[in-house]
Structures are given as C-alpha cells and as structure tokens.
C-alpha cells in the first residue's frame, strides 16, 4: 500500500486529512478502527496503537 493510499483510507475513517506526524487518536482514530486496519494490513494492533501516525504506520506496513 502506498503512502497516499494509507492517507486516503485513514482520512475516510476519521473524516479529515491528518498530517504525516499527527497523532491519529487526536483526529478521532479509535481502537476499533485500528483493529480493523491492523487486520487489513496484516500487522499487530499494538504496533499501530504504540505509534499512531501516518508516517509510523507507513513504515510498519511497508516493512
């Protein structure tokens, strides 16, 4: 998944376009949505929860 695809998917979930280093929880990302994304991306939920930014998630997803 590209960084732009990730940004678009997250924006759809939280209703706004966060910056790369914004805390996604501050933008309305909750644990239920994070769990769904973790499953979709094939990553561990806790990894998403520990670093809830687009930049960190992009690095995690791309490995």
Foldseek 3Di string as FASTA:
>chain_A
DDLVVLQVVLCVVLVHRDDQQDQSVVSPDDLVNLVVVCVVLVHDSVQCVVRVGSNSVNVVSVD
